[in-house]
Protein backbone atom coordinates (compact mmCIF):
# COMPACT_ATOMS: atom_id res chain seq x y z
CA MET A 1 -48.46 -31.22 -2.84
CA ARG A 2 -45.86 -34.00 -2.81
CA LYS A 3 -44.11 -32.48 -5.82
CA ARG A 4 -43.94 -29.12 -4.05
CA ILE A 5 -42.34 -30.74 -0.98
CA ILE A 6 -39.74 -32.44 -3.16
CA ILE A 7 -38.91 -29.14 -4.88
CA ILE A 8 -38.58 -27.39 -1.51
CA LYS A 9 -36.22 -30.14 -0.26
CA VAL A 10 -34.10 -29.87 -3.40
CA ILE A 11 -33.87 -26.09 -3.00
CA ALA A 12 -32.91 -26.52 0.66
CA ILE A 13 -30.13 -28.97 -0.23
CA LEU A 14 -28.78 -26.65 -2.90
CA LEU A 15 -28.82 -23.67 -0.54
CA ALA A 16 -27.03 -25.68 2.14
CA ALA A 17 -24.35 -26.76 -0.35
CA LEU A 18 -23.91 -23.17 -1.54
CA ALA A 19 -23.58 -21.91 2.02
CA THR A 20 -20.98 -24.56 2.86
CA SER A 21 -19.01 -23.66 -0.26
CA PHE A 22 -19.16 -19.96 0.57
CA ILE A 23 -17.98 -20.47 4.15
CA GLY A 24 -15.13 -22.70 3.04
CA HIS A 25 -14.22 -20.23 0.33
CA ASN A 26 -13.98 -17.34 2.80
CA ASN A 27 -12.03 -19.37 5.34
CA SER A 28 -9.43 -20.22 2.72
CA ARG A 29 -8.33 -16.60 2.44
CA ALA A 30 -5.69 -16.89 5.15
CA GLU A 31 -4.12 -19.89 3.43
CA ASP A 32 -3.84 -18.68 -0.17
CA LEU A 33 -0.50 -16.91 0.20
CA GLN A 34 1.17 -19.35 2.59
CA TRP A 35 4.12 -19.77 0.24
CA SER A 36 7.76 -20.38 1.07
CA THR A 37 10.98 -21.54 -0.54
CA ILE A 38 14.51 -22.48 0.50
CA GLY A 39 17.42 -20.52 -0.90
CA SER A 40 18.79 -23.49 -2.81
CA GLY A 41 15.48 -23.92 -4.66
CA GLY A 42 15.90 -20.97 -7.04
CA ILE A 43 16.76 -20.77 -10.75
CA LEU A 44 20.28 -19.42 -11.21
CA ASP A 45 21.07 -16.77 -13.78
CA GLU A 46 23.50 -18.18 -16.37
CA ALA A 47 26.29 -15.84 -15.27
CA SER A 48 26.01 -17.18 -11.70
CA THR A 49 26.27 -20.90 -12.33
CA SER A 50 30.07 -21.05 -12.02
CA LYS A 51 30.17 -19.04 -8.78
CA ASN A 52 27.58 -20.59 -6.50
CA LYS A 53 27.26 -23.50 -4.12
CA PHE A 54 24.27 -25.02 -2.36
CA TYR A 55 24.44 -26.52 1.09
CA GLY A 56 21.28 -27.60 2.85
CA GLY A 57 18.68 -24.97 2.02
CA VAL A 58 21.25 -22.20 1.52
CA VAL A 59 22.73 -20.62 -1.60
CA ALA A 60 26.16 -19.02 -1.23
CA PHE A 61 29.38 -18.23 -3.09
CA ARG A 62 31.67 -21.10 -3.96
CA GLY A 63 35.29 -20.90 -2.86
CA SER A 64 36.93 -17.51 -3.42
CA ASN A 65 34.41 -16.27 -6.01
CA THR A 66 33.16 -12.70 -5.74
CA GLY A 67 30.64 -10.62 -7.68
CA THR A 68 26.88 -11.25 -7.85
CA LEU A 69 24.69 -14.34 -7.67
CA GLU A 70 21.24 -13.76 -9.14
CA LEU A 71 18.37 -16.21 -8.68
CA ARG A 72 14.66 -16.26 -9.51
CA TYR A 73 11.94 -18.09 -7.63
CA PRO A 74 8.59 -18.55 -9.44
CA ILE A 75 5.54 -18.05 -7.21
CA PRO A 76 2.77 -20.42 -8.32
CA LYS A 77 -0.89 -19.48 -8.32
CA PRO A 78 -2.56 -21.05 -5.26
CA ALA A 79 -4.66 -24.07 -6.22
CA ASN A 80 -7.86 -22.76 -4.59
CA VAL A 81 -7.82 -19.32 -6.22
CA ASP A 82 -10.61 -18.41 -8.64
CA ALA A 83 -11.85 -15.20 -10.26
CA LEU A 84 -13.63 -14.11 -7.06
CA ASP A 85 -10.55 -14.34 -4.86
CA PHE A 86 -8.29 -11.60 -3.63
CA ASP A 87 -5.00 -12.74 -2.19
CA PRO A 88 -3.40 -10.41 0.36
CA LEU A 89 0.32 -10.54 1.02
CA CYS A 90 0.97 -8.81 4.33
CA ASN A 91 4.56 -9.76 5.12
CA MET A 92 7.69 -11.40 3.79
CA THR A 93 10.21 -12.96 6.18
CA ALA A 94 13.64 -14.05 4.97
CA ARG A 95 16.70 -15.80 6.37
CA ILE A 96 19.94 -14.15 5.27
CA ARG A 97 23.59 -13.76 6.20
CA ASP A 98 25.47 -10.49 5.64
CA ASP A 99 28.59 -10.04 7.73
CA GLY A 100 29.55 -6.51 6.77
CA ARG A 101 30.60 -3.94 4.19
CA TYR A 102 31.72 -6.47 1.57
CA ALA A 103 28.46 -8.43 1.58
CA ASN A 104 24.84 -7.73 0.66
CA VAL A 105 21.59 -9.61 -0.03
CA LYS A 106 18.68 -7.96 -1.84
CA ILE A 107 15.26 -9.55 -2.40
CA PHE A 108 12.68 -8.20 -4.87
CA LEU A 109 9.07 -9.29 -5.31
CA GLU A 110 8.37 -8.82 -9.02
CA GLU A 111 4.96 -8.57 -10.70
CA TYR A 112 4.88 -9.45 -14.41
CA ASP A 113 1.85 -8.51 -16.50
CA ILE A 114 1.08 -11.41 -18.82
CA PHE A 115 -0.76 -9.14 -21.29
CA THR A 116 1.56 -6.13 -21.50
CA GLY A 117 4.90 -7.70 -20.63
CA THR A 118 5.70 -4.98 -18.08
CA THR A 119 7.44 -5.83 -14.82
CA ASN A 120 6.87 -3.94 -11.58
CA THR A 121 8.80 -4.31 -8.32
CA VAL A 122 6.18 -4.65 -5.59
CA TRP A 123 8.34 -5.01 -2.48
CA GLU A 124 12.00 -5.24 -1.73
CA MET A 125 14.23 -6.22 1.17
CA ASP A 126 17.86 -5.28 1.77
CA SER A 127 20.23 -6.89 4.26
CA ASP A 128 21.84 -3.48 4.80
CA TRP A 129 18.67 -2.42 6.64
CA VAL A 130 19.85 -4.39 9.66
CA PRO A 131 23.20 -4.43 11.46
CA ALA A 132 25.77 -6.80 9.95
CA SER A 133 26.30 -10.14 11.67
CA PRO A 134 28.52 -13.17 11.06
CA ASP A 135 25.46 -15.31 11.85
CA PHE A 136 22.23 -15.87 9.96
CA GLN A 137 19.43 -13.39 10.70
CA THR A 138 15.69 -13.39 10.08
CA ILE A 139 14.54 -10.10 8.55
CA GLY A 140 11.40 -8.99 6.77
CA VAL A 141 8.92 -6.38 5.65
CA CYS A 142 5.35 -6.17 6.86
CA MET A 143 2.41 -3.96 6.04
CA ASP A 144 0.74 -1.85 8.71
CA GLY A 145 -2.86 -3.06 8.58
CA PHE A 146 -4.87 -5.31 6.27
CA PHE A 147 -5.85 -2.59 3.79
CA ALA A 148 -2.18 -1.75 3.21
CA CYS A 149 -1.40 -5.33 2.20
CA LYS A 150 -0.49 -6.15 -1.38
CA VAL A 151 -3.34 -7.80 -3.29
CA MET A 152 -1.94 -10.48 -5.58
CA ASP A 153 -3.74 -10.42 -8.92
CA PHE A 154 -3.24 -13.94 -10.24
CA SER A 155 -5.87 -13.36 -12.93
CA ASN A 156 -3.65 -10.98 -14.90
CA LYS A 157 -0.19 -11.12 -13.35
CA LEU A 158 2.66 -13.56 -12.76
CA TYR A 159 4.86 -13.29 -9.69
CA TYR A 160 8.41 -14.24 -8.83
CA LEU A 161 11.19 -13.35 -6.42
CA ARG A 162 14.50 -12.01 -7.68
CA VAL A 163 17.37 -12.43 -5.23
CA MET A 164 20.77 -10.77 -5.66
CA ILE A 165 23.62 -11.92 -3.43
CA LYS A 166 26.77 -9.80 -3.63
CA ARG A 167 30.23 -9.86 -2.14
CA THR A 168 33.30 -7.88 -3.13
CA ASN A 169 35.79 -9.71 -0.93
CA TYR A 170 36.23 -13.48 -0.91
CA THR A 171 36.31 -13.59 2.90
CA ALA A 172 32.84 -12.01 3.21
CA LYS A 173 29.72 -14.02 4.06
CA ALA A 174 26.71 -13.26 1.82
CA GLU A 175 24.12 -16.06 1.83
CA PHE A 176 20.38 -16.61 1.35
CA GLY A 177 18.59 -19.31 3.31
CA GLY A 178 14.97 -18.88 2.22
CA ILE A 179 11.80 -16.82 2.52
CA MET A 180 8.24 -17.17 3.79
CA PHE A 181 5.10 -15.21 2.87
CA ASN A 182 2.57 -14.25 5.57
CA ALA A 183 4.51 -15.66 8.49
CA PRO A 184 2.34 -16.07 11.63
CA THR A 185 4.29 -13.33 13.47
CA CYS A 186 5.61 -10.08 12.02
CA VAL A 187 7.02 -7.88 14.78
CA GLN A 188 7.24 -4.25 13.75
CA ASP A 189 10.41 -2.28 14.42
CA VAL A 190 9.98 1.47 13.87
CA GLU A 191 13.74 2.03 13.86
CA TYR A 192 13.80 1.09 10.18
CA ILE A 193 10.40 2.36 9.04
CA THR A 194 11.90 5.38 7.24
CA ARG A 195 13.80 3.05 4.90
CA LEU A 196 10.61 1.53 3.52
CA PRO A 197 7.76 2.88 1.36
CA THR A 198 4.70 4.37 3.06
CA SER A 199 2.86 1.98 5.40
CA GLN A 200 5.67 -0.57 5.45
CA CYS A 201 7.86 -1.49 8.39
CA LEU A 202 10.77 -3.78 9.07
CA CYS A 203 10.37 -7.02 10.99
CA PRO A 204 13.64 -8.09 12.64
């Protein structure tokens, strides 16, 4: 009888531990893709190293240089992700400066298959989607509803951002200040929805 009681207590403890783990596991879903980076934290393409400057968190052109700056930002696998996890990315919010026709900033979310070597562009953002401004702006893309979100497959894929900053006149302002995944607020603006793939919208 005593042995049976001990066994029951052990089972109860194990079930309680499993339940706690399961609840914590589910509650971690909203935190998995809370990733961000400053513009000056990227890896410069070799051809860009003589043209750029960093100030604060921003990457920009140095002096009178023109052309293209290309940077890559590796996206690490979240520490609490395991084989059972799915990791939704529902919006990207970026800080950019594009003051007109001679400037442009493009941001691409790239998915690289570790087994096949193929690369697929998942999402992209373009500063030309919003009116030009001499000041920094916060722009973004967001998915319309949870089931339209991008599921990040860290079991088979690697992810990184590719940012291209262009200017064709040395007086133009084309700069990248940083980006955040799954920002708390993503306000939809239907004015630009036709510029994005199905189920995506622009967040000013």
